[in-house]
N, C-alpha and C. Protein backbone atom coordinates (compact mmCIF):
# COMPACT_ATOMS: atom_id res chain seq x y z
N MET A 1 7.74 -1.07 -2.49
CA MET A 1 8.98 -0.63 -1.85
C MET A 1 10.20 -1.09 -2.63
N GLY A 2 9.98 -1.58 -3.82
CA GLY A 2 11.12 -1.96 -4.65
C GLY A 2 11.96 -3.05 -4.00
N TYR A 3 13.23 -2.83 -3.99
CA TYR A 3 14.15 -3.82 -3.44
C TYR A 3 14.57 -3.49 -2.01
N TYR A 4 13.79 -2.72 -1.31
CA TYR A 4 14.12 -2.28 0.05
C TYR A 4 14.45 -3.47 0.95
N PHE A 5 13.55 -4.46 1.01
CA PHE A 5 13.75 -5.57 1.93
C PHE A 5 14.94 -6.45 1.53
N GLU A 6 15.17 -6.57 0.24
CA GLU A 6 16.34 -7.33 -0.22
C GLU A 6 17.62 -6.64 0.20
N LEU A 7 17.68 -5.33 -0.01
CA LEU A 7 18.87 -4.58 0.40
C LEU A 7 19.03 -4.57 1.92
N LYS A 8 17.92 -4.44 2.64
CA LYS A 8 17.95 -4.46 4.10
C LYS A 8 18.52 -5.78 4.60
N TYR A 9 18.04 -6.89 4.04
CA TYR A 9 18.55 -8.21 4.41
C TYR A 9 20.05 -8.31 4.14
N PHE A 10 20.48 -7.85 2.97
CA PHE A 10 21.89 -7.92 2.59
C PHE A 10 22.76 -7.12 3.56
N VAL A 11 22.39 -5.89 3.83
CA VAL A 11 23.18 -5.02 4.72
C VAL A 11 23.20 -5.59 6.13
N GLU A 12 22.05 -6.04 6.63
CA GLU A 12 22.01 -6.60 7.98
C GLU A 12 22.85 -7.87 8.08
N SER A 13 22.86 -8.69 7.04
CA SER A 13 23.71 -9.88 7.04
C SER A 13 25.18 -9.50 7.09
N LEU A 14 25.56 -8.49 6.32
CA LEU A 14 26.95 -8.03 6.35
C LEU A 14 27.33 -7.51 7.73
N LEU A 15 26.46 -6.72 8.33
CA LEU A 15 26.76 -6.15 9.64
C LEU A 15 26.85 -7.23 10.72
N ARG A 16 26.04 -8.29 10.62
CA ARG A 16 26.07 -9.38 11.59
C ARG A 16 27.18 -10.38 11.30
N GLY A 17 27.71 -10.33 10.09
CA GLY A 17 28.74 -11.28 9.69
C GLY A 17 28.18 -12.65 9.37
N THR A 18 26.90 -12.71 9.02
CA THR A 18 26.28 -13.99 8.67
C THR A 18 26.27 -14.16 7.16
N PRO A 19 26.33 -15.41 6.70
CA PRO A 19 26.33 -15.63 5.24
C PRO A 19 25.02 -15.19 4.60
N VAL A 20 25.14 -14.74 3.39
CA VAL A 20 23.97 -14.32 2.61
C VAL A 20 23.49 -15.53 1.82
N ALA A 21 22.18 -15.77 1.85
CA ALA A 21 21.62 -16.91 1.11
C ALA A 21 21.89 -16.73 -0.38
N THR A 22 22.18 -17.81 -1.05
CA THR A 22 22.46 -17.78 -2.47
C THR A 22 21.17 -17.98 -3.25
N ALA A 23 20.97 -17.16 -4.25
CA ALA A 23 19.80 -17.29 -5.12
C ALA A 23 20.17 -18.16 -6.31
N THR A 24 19.30 -19.10 -6.61
CA THR A 24 19.53 -19.95 -7.78
C THR A 24 19.02 -19.25 -9.04
N PRO A 25 19.49 -19.66 -10.20
CA PRO A 25 18.98 -19.05 -11.44
C PRO A 25 17.46 -19.17 -11.56
N ALA A 26 16.91 -20.30 -11.15
CA ALA A 26 15.46 -20.49 -11.24
C ALA A 26 14.71 -19.52 -10.34
N SER A 27 15.28 -19.23 -9.16
CA SER A 27 14.58 -18.35 -8.23
C SER A 27 14.66 -16.87 -8.64
N THR A 28 15.60 -16.54 -9.47
CA THR A 28 15.75 -15.15 -9.89
C THR A 28 15.04 -14.84 -11.20
N LYS A 29 14.55 -15.87 -11.88
CA LYS A 29 13.89 -15.68 -13.18
C LYS A 29 12.75 -14.68 -13.11
N GLY A 30 11.89 -14.81 -12.11
CA GLY A 30 10.76 -13.90 -11.96
C GLY A 30 11.19 -12.46 -11.75
N SER A 31 12.24 -12.28 -10.95
CA SER A 31 12.75 -10.92 -10.70
C SER A 31 13.27 -10.28 -11.98
N ILE A 32 13.95 -11.06 -12.79
CA ILE A 32 14.49 -10.54 -14.05
C ILE A 32 13.35 -10.18 -15.01
N GLU A 33 12.31 -11.01 -15.04
CA GLU A 33 11.16 -10.72 -15.91
C GLU A 33 10.47 -9.43 -15.48
N ILE A 34 10.33 -9.23 -14.18
CA ILE A 34 9.71 -7.99 -13.66
C ILE A 34 10.58 -6.79 -14.01
N MET A 35 11.88 -6.91 -13.83
CA MET A 35 12.80 -5.81 -14.14
C MET A 35 12.73 -5.43 -15.62
N GLU A 36 12.67 -6.44 -16.48
CA GLU A 36 12.59 -6.16 -17.92
C GLU A 36 11.27 -5.45 -18.25
N ALA A 37 10.19 -5.85 -17.59
CA ALA A 37 8.90 -5.19 -17.81
C ALA A 37 8.94 -3.74 -17.31
N GLU A 38 9.61 -3.50 -16.18
CA GLU A 38 9.75 -2.13 -15.67
C GLU A 38 10.48 -1.24 -16.67
N ILE A 39 11.53 -1.77 -17.26
CA ILE A 39 12.30 -1.01 -18.25
C ILE A 39 11.44 -0.73 -19.48
N GLU A 40 10.73 -1.76 -19.95
CA GLU A 40 9.87 -1.58 -21.13
C GLU A 40 8.79 -0.53 -20.85
N SER A 41 8.19 -0.59 -19.66
CA SER A 41 7.15 0.37 -19.28
C SER A 41 7.73 1.78 -19.23
N ALA A 42 8.91 1.93 -18.67
CA ALA A 42 9.54 3.25 -18.60
C ALA A 42 9.84 3.78 -20.00
N ASP A 43 10.29 2.90 -20.88
CA ASP A 43 10.57 3.31 -22.26
C ASP A 43 9.31 3.76 -22.98
N LYS A 44 8.15 3.25 -22.53
CA LYS A 44 6.87 3.61 -23.14
C LYS A 44 6.12 4.64 -22.30
N LEU A 45 6.89 5.43 -21.54
CA LEU A 45 6.35 6.54 -20.73
C LEU A 45 5.29 6.08 -19.73
N GLY A 46 5.53 4.94 -19.09
CA GLY A 46 4.65 4.47 -18.03
C GLY A 46 3.49 3.60 -18.48
N GLU A 47 3.46 3.25 -19.75
CA GLU A 47 2.40 2.40 -20.28
C GLU A 47 2.44 1.03 -19.58
N TRP A 48 1.25 0.46 -19.35
CA TRP A 48 1.18 -0.87 -18.76
C TRP A 48 1.72 -1.88 -19.77
N VAL A 49 2.54 -2.80 -19.31
CA VAL A 49 3.07 -3.86 -20.17
C VAL A 49 2.89 -5.19 -19.46
N LYS A 50 2.93 -6.27 -20.23
CA LYS A 50 2.82 -7.61 -19.65
C LYS A 50 4.20 -8.07 -19.19
N VAL A 51 4.19 -8.75 -18.05
CA VAL A 51 5.42 -9.41 -17.59
C VAL A 51 5.48 -10.73 -18.35
N LYS A 52 6.58 -10.93 -19.05
CA LYS A 52 6.70 -12.12 -19.91
C LYS A 52 7.25 -13.29 -19.16
């Protein structure tokens, strides 16, 4: 579902007026690695690639 739940959490927090949790650089590292692998795979026409 991609980033559905992340976006859902963000929008619901805005609508409720509650603070959004802050992500640390360490906690986002895995997400960035996955995103880079998605881009590499798309560039290679859907070929499987390793997440680095």
